[in-house]
């Protein structure tokens, strides 16, 4: 990936620790890119969780973050109210604060130690621009008022798996409740061929919200390899032609499945209920 860096970038994260640090859920470690000393990846229990440029909040390294940003760029101009389920290093929240000044955001993470460390390690927006809350994501959802958010982003992982209770119709219903009627729900689903979970999650969101968009690298959608699948639900009025062009011109091009294609993608799956694992349609 070619990076377009600011002229004043490059001071380097000399104050950041390089060894693993104990957190409530295991360990956290910061890995500095040897070729770009401002680029830092946060590993949680050895799994890449977030990546941010210390000098440039507008830069997004992870492809799925770029794909989510392409969707958010299609929304009406102006500040947004965004809820992030899964905080990590708050990369997307930091990007949104830079892209849409005046936005109000809440990031939820279950690990109190990690939340405190991230606040100290990185120059994150301060409250009320960005609040951090220590809580279980599903419990936090149930405590929030109706219609209080324009955007909800789910990026929660236990290791490399999403906690099952966040993939169900019950969880999706809670998200729909806290979203504005024209709000958008963005989901980061990590899956491997034959994308059983991603198909089931798409079916679940379609049953709750109606039309769903599916975004991923073509190789992932063709079932050739493990990777991220971004699902977008709740907005039926996005300019899909413009979104498709934006996704195709990313450093790593992505493919957009429109609602009809997404429905076909999910045809073999049934919605995930709170008491059942994902699986193929009967």
Protein backbone atom coordinates (compact mmCIF):
# COMPACT_ATOMS: atom_id res chain seq x y z
CA UNK A 1 0.00 0.00 0.00
CA UNK A 2 1.32 3.44 -0.92
CA UNK A 3 1.02 5.90 1.94
CA UNK A 4 0.67 9.64 1.44
CA UNK A 5 2.21 11.06 4.59
CA UNK A 6 2.19 14.57 5.95
CA UNK A 7 5.50 16.48 5.64
CA UNK A 8 5.78 16.84 9.43
CA UNK A 9 5.20 13.13 10.12
CA UNK A 10 7.92 10.80 11.31
CA UNK A 11 8.75 11.80 14.87
CA UNK A 12 8.16 8.24 16.03
CA UNK A 13 6.47 6.72 19.12
CA UNK A 14 9.48 6.74 21.47
CA UNK A 15 7.31 6.95 24.57
CA UNK A 16 5.28 3.83 23.76
CA UNK A 17 6.08 0.42 25.28
CA UNK A 18 7.44 -2.29 23.01
CA UNK A 19 6.90 -5.31 25.25
CA UNK A 20 3.54 -6.99 25.98
CA UNK A 21 1.52 -5.32 28.74
CA UNK A 22 -0.94 -7.14 30.98
CA UNK A 23 -4.59 -6.17 30.55
CA UNK A 24 -7.78 -7.56 32.09
CA UNK A 25 -8.41 -9.97 29.21
CA UNK A 26 -4.81 -11.05 28.55
CA UNK A 27 -2.05 -8.97 27.00
CA UNK A 28 -1.72 -5.95 24.75
CA UNK A 29 1.31 -5.12 22.65
CA UNK A 30 2.20 -2.24 20.35
CA UNK A 31 4.12 -3.02 17.16
CA UNK A 32 5.74 -0.13 15.29
CA UNK A 33 6.11 -0.36 11.52
CA UNK A 34 9.88 -0.23 10.88
CA UNK A 35 9.34 1.66 7.61
CA UNK A 36 6.74 4.09 9.01
CA UNK A 37 7.54 4.86 12.66
CA UNK A 38 4.25 6.70 13.18
CA UNK A 39 2.26 3.60 12.20
CA UNK A 40 1.41 1.50 15.26
CA UNK A 41 -0.56 -1.74 15.44
CA UNK A 42 -2.24 -2.80 18.66
CA UNK A 43 -2.22 -6.56 19.25
CA UNK A 44 -4.62 -8.01 21.83
CA UNK A 45 -3.59 -11.51 22.84
CA UNK A 46 -1.42 -11.64 19.74
CA UNK A 47 -4.24 -10.75 17.32
CA UNK A 48 -4.13 -7.43 15.40
CA UNK A 49 -6.89 -5.28 16.88
CA UNK A 50 -6.25 -1.75 15.60
CA UNK A 51 -3.76 0.20 13.55
CA UNK A 52 -3.34 3.95 13.58
CA UNK A 53 -1.02 6.68 12.36
CA UNK A 54 0.05 8.74 15.37
CA UNK A 55 0.40 11.88 13.26
CA UNK A 56 -2.47 11.51 10.81
CA UNK A 57 -5.95 10.47 12.02
CA UNK A 58 -7.24 10.49 8.45
CA UNK A 59 -5.07 7.50 7.52
CA UNK A 60 -6.65 4.04 7.78
CA UNK A 61 -4.39 1.01 7.35
CA UNK A 62 -6.86 -1.87 7.72
CA UNK A 63 -8.86 -2.55 4.57
CA UNK A 64 -12.12 -3.10 6.43
CA UNK A 65 -11.76 0.33 8.07
CA UNK A 66 -11.31 1.85 4.60
CA UNK A 67 -14.45 0.04 3.43
CA UNK A 68 -16.47 1.29 6.40
CA UNK A 69 -15.18 4.82 5.80
CA UNK A 70 -16.36 4.61 2.19
CA UNK A 71 -19.88 3.88 3.45
CA UNK A 72 -19.75 6.71 6.01
CA UNK A 73 -18.54 9.10 3.30
CA UNK A 74 -21.81 8.45 1.44
CA UNK A 75 -23.91 9.79 4.34
CA UNK A 76 -25.15 13.38 4.45
CA UNK A 77 -22.46 15.93 5.37
CA UNK A 78 -22.02 17.11 8.93
CA UNK A 79 -21.37 15.70 12.40
CA UNK A 80 -22.57 12.23 13.31
CA UNK A 81 -23.48 10.49 16.54
CA UNK A 82 -21.58 7.21 16.43
CA UNK A 83 -21.54 4.23 18.79
CA UNK A 84 -18.57 1.87 18.53
CA UNK A 85 -19.02 -1.59 20.01
CA UNK A 86 -15.41 -2.60 20.52
CA UNK A 87 -12.98 0.24 21.19
CA UNK A 88 -9.47 -1.10 20.64
CA UNK A 89 -7.31 1.90 19.77
CA UNK A 90 -10.38 3.83 18.51
CA UNK A 91 -8.98 4.07 14.98
CA UNK A 92 -12.29 4.59 13.20
CA UNK A 93 -13.59 6.92 15.91
CA UNK A 94 -10.43 9.01 15.54
CA UNK A 95 -10.91 9.08 11.75
CA UNK A 96 -14.55 10.13 12.09
CA UNK A 97 -13.67 12.93 14.51
CA UNK A 98 -11.20 14.25 11.93
CA UNK A 99 -13.48 13.75 8.93
CA UNK A 100 -16.61 15.18 10.56
CA UNK A 101 -15.74 17.77 13.23
CA UNK A 102 -18.37 18.14 15.91
CA UNK A 103 -19.31 14.46 15.91
CA UNK A 104 -20.19 12.89 19.26
CA UNK A 105 -19.03 9.31 19.80
CA UNK A 106 -19.09 6.57 22.41
CA UNK A 107 -16.71 3.59 22.27
CA UNK A 108 -17.48 0.56 24.44
CA UNK A 109 -14.90 -2.01 25.50
CA UNK A 110 -15.05 -4.74 28.12
CA UNK A 111 -11.40 -4.36 29.20
CA UNK A 112 -10.97 -1.54 31.72
CA UNK A 113 -7.18 -1.76 31.71
CA UNK A 114 -6.98 -1.55 27.93
CA UNK A 115 -9.27 1.47 27.88
CA UNK A 116 -7.01 3.26 30.35
CA UNK A 117 -3.87 2.34 28.45
CA UNK A 118 -5.25 3.45 25.09
CA UNK A 119 -6.19 6.82 26.55
CA UNK A 120 -2.61 7.26 27.75
CA UNK A 121 -0.86 5.90 24.65
CA UNK A 122 -2.71 7.76 21.93
CA UNK A 123 -3.96 11.30 21.33
CA UNK A 124 -7.66 10.44 21.22
CA UNK A 125 -10.43 13.01 21.05
CA UNK A 126 -11.66 13.96 24.51
CA UNK A 127 -15.20 13.89 25.89
CA UNK A 128 -17.74 14.87 24.66
CA UNK A 129 -16.22 14.29 21.20
CA UNK A 130 -15.30 10.73 22.21
CA UNK A 131 -16.32 9.00 25.42
CA UNK A 132 -14.98 5.60 26.43
CA UNK A 133 -17.14 3.24 28.47
CA UNK A 134 -16.08 0.00 30.11
CA UNK A 135 -18.94 -2.46 29.59
CA UNK A 136 -20.06 -5.63 27.88
CA UNK A 137 -21.23 -4.60 24.40
CA UNK A 138 -24.62 -6.35 24.53
CA UNK A 139 -25.33 -4.98 28.00
CA UNK A 140 -24.30 -1.49 26.92
CA UNK A 141 -26.73 -1.67 24.00
CA UNK A 142 -29.63 -2.49 26.30
CA UNK A 143 -28.89 0.56 28.45
CA UNK A 144 -28.95 3.14 25.65
CA UNK A 145 -32.04 5.18 24.73
CA UNK A 146 -34.05 4.67 21.56
CA UNK A 147 -32.94 6.53 18.44
CA UNK A 148 -29.81 7.95 20.02
CA UNK A 149 -27.25 7.17 17.28
CA UNK A 150 -26.75 7.84 13.57
CA UNK A 151 -24.14 5.10 13.24
CA UNK A 152 -23.39 1.90 15.14
CA UNK A 153 -20.15 0.07 14.37
CA UNK A 154 -19.64 -3.48 15.64
CA UNK A 155 -16.00 -4.48 15.80
CA UNK A 156 -15.89 -6.79 18.83
CA UNK A 157 -13.68 -9.86 19.03
CA UNK A 158 -12.68 -12.48 21.55
CA UNK A 159 -9.47 -13.67 19.93
CA UNK A 160 -10.38 -13.80 16.25
CA UNK A 161 -14.08 -14.57 16.81
CA UNK A 162 -17.05 -12.29 17.41
CA UNK A 163 -18.84 -13.15 20.67
CA UNK A 164 -21.89 -15.17 19.51
CA UNK A 165 -24.36 -13.07 21.50
CA UNK A 166 -23.55 -10.09 19.26
CA UNK A 167 -24.43 -11.93 16.03
CA UNK A 168 -28.07 -12.70 16.81
CA UNK A 169 -31.45 -11.24 15.91
CA UNK A 170 -31.76 -10.08 19.51
CA UNK A 171 -28.56 -8.05 19.25
CA UNK A 172 -29.54 -6.70 15.83
CA UNK A 173 -32.92 -5.68 17.25
CA UNK A 174 -31.21 -3.74 20.03
CA UNK A 175 -29.04 -1.97 17.46
CA UNK A 176 -32.08 -1.08 15.37
CA UNK A 177 -33.77 0.30 18.50
CA UNK A 178 -30.89 2.65 19.38
CA UNK A 179 -30.39 3.84 15.79
CA UNK A 180 -32.18 6.75 14.20
CA UNK A 181 -34.66 5.57 11.52
CA UNK A 182 -32.14 6.57 8.83
CA UNK A 183 -29.12 5.31 10.75
CA UNK A 184 -26.60 2.76 9.51
CA UNK A 185 -25.23 -0.36 11.21
CA UNK A 186 -21.72 -1.43 10.14
CA UNK A 187 -20.50 -4.91 11.09
CA UNK A 188 -17.01 -6.34 10.81
CA UNK A 189 -17.35 -10.09 10.32
CA UNK A 190 -14.23 -12.24 9.99
CA UNK A 191 -14.85 -15.57 8.31
CA UNK A 192 -13.28 -18.34 6.26
CA UNK A 193 -14.62 -20.36 3.32
CA UNK A 194 -17.45 -21.12 2.79
CA UNK A 195 -18.36 -17.93 4.73
CA UNK A 196 -21.02 -19.66 6.83
CA UNK A 197 -20.99 -17.01 9.53
CA UNK A 198 -20.98 -14.04 7.13
CA UNK A 199 -23.95 -15.49 5.24
CA UNK A 200 -25.84 -16.12 8.47
CA UNK A 201 -25.09 -12.62 9.73
CA UNK A 202 -26.30 -11.13 6.44
CA UNK A 203 -29.53 -13.16 6.79
CA UNK A 204 -29.90 -11.99 10.38
CA UNK A 205 -29.51 -8.33 9.49
CA UNK A 206 -31.87 -8.65 6.53
CA UNK A 207 -34.52 -10.16 8.79
CA UNK A 208 -34.13 -7.25 11.21
CA UNK A 209 -33.39 -4.22 9.01
CA UNK A 210 -34.41 -5.14 5.48
CA UNK A 211 -31.92 -4.63 2.63
CA UNK A 212 -28.27 -5.32 3.46
CA UNK A 213 -25.03 -4.50 1.67
CA UNK A 214 -22.06 -6.87 1.67
CA UNK A 215 -18.51 -5.58 1.11
CA UNK A 216 -15.28 -7.57 0.88
CA UNK A 217 -12.26 -8.21 -1.25
CA UNK A 218 -13.23 -10.33 -4.28
CA UNK A 219 -11.05 -13.25 -3.18
CA UNK A 220 -12.86 -13.42 0.14
CA UNK A 221 -16.30 -13.32 -1.50
CA UNK A 222 -15.29 -16.07 -3.91
CA UNK A 223 -14.43 -18.29 -0.96
CA UNK A 224 -10.75 -18.42 -1.77
CA UNK A 225 -9.41 -17.25 1.57
CA UNK A 226 -10.04 -16.10 5.12
CA UNK A 227 -10.80 -12.41 5.57
CA UNK A 228 -13.06 -9.56 6.63
CA UNK A 229 -16.61 -9.11 5.38
CA UNK A 230 -18.26 -5.75 6.10
CA UNK A 231 -22.05 -5.73 6.35
CA UNK A 232 -24.06 -2.51 6.18
CA UNK A 233 -27.71 -2.38 7.19
CA UNK A 234 -30.34 0.24 7.86
CA UNK A 235 -29.97 2.59 4.90
CA UNK A 236 -31.75 1.95 1.63
CA UNK A 237 -30.98 5.31 0.02
CA UNK A 238 -27.20 5.21 -0.41
CA UNK A 239 -25.78 5.99 -3.84
CA UNK A 240 -24.67 2.45 -4.62
CA UNK A 241 -22.99 3.38 -7.90
CA UNK A 242 -20.81 5.96 -6.12
CA UNK A 243 -20.11 3.58 -3.26
CA UNK A 244 -19.14 0.81 -5.64
CA UNK A 245 -16.72 3.13 -7.46
CA UNK A 246 -15.18 4.26 -4.17
CA UNK A 247 -14.66 0.66 -3.07
CA UNK A 248 -13.11 -0.37 -6.38
CA UNK A 249 -10.57 2.48 -6.16
CA UNK A 250 -9.30 1.64 -2.67
CA UNK A 251 -5.62 0.61 -2.40
CA UNK A 252 -6.92 -2.96 -2.08
CA UNK A 253 -10.07 -2.93 -4.25
CA UNK A 254 -13.26 -4.28 -2.69
CA UNK A 255 -16.49 -5.52 -4.21
CA UNK A 256 -19.96 -4.33 -3.24
CA UNK A 257 -22.91 -6.73 -3.26
CA UNK A 258 -26.11 -4.70 -3.65
CA UNK A 259 -29.27 -5.77 -1.76
CA UNK A 260 -30.31 -8.30 -4.41
CA UNK A 261 -26.83 -9.81 -4.59
CA UNK A 262 -26.58 -9.79 -0.81
CA UNK A 263 -29.88 -11.64 -0.56
CA UNK A 264 -28.50 -14.31 -2.90
CA UNK A 265 -25.29 -14.39 -0.82
CA UNK A 266 -27.38 -15.15 2.28
CA UNK A 267 -29.91 -17.44 0.60
CA UNK A 268 -28.43 -20.64 2.04
CA UNK A 269 -28.45 -19.32 5.62
CA UNK A 270 -31.05 -18.72 8.31
CA UNK A 271 -31.05 -15.82 10.80
CA UNK A 272 -29.13 -16.48 14.01
CA UNK A 273 -31.32 -16.70 17.07
CA UNK A 274 -30.08 -16.08 20.60
CA UNK A 275 -30.19 -19.79 21.42
CA UNK A 276 -28.82 -21.21 18.15
CA UNK A 277 -25.47 -21.20 16.30
CA UNK A 278 -25.21 -20.05 12.66
CA UNK A 279 -25.83 -22.71 10.07
CA UNK A 280 -27.22 -23.43 6.60
CA UNK A 281 -30.86 -23.10 5.84
CA UNK A 282 -32.96 -26.21 6.47
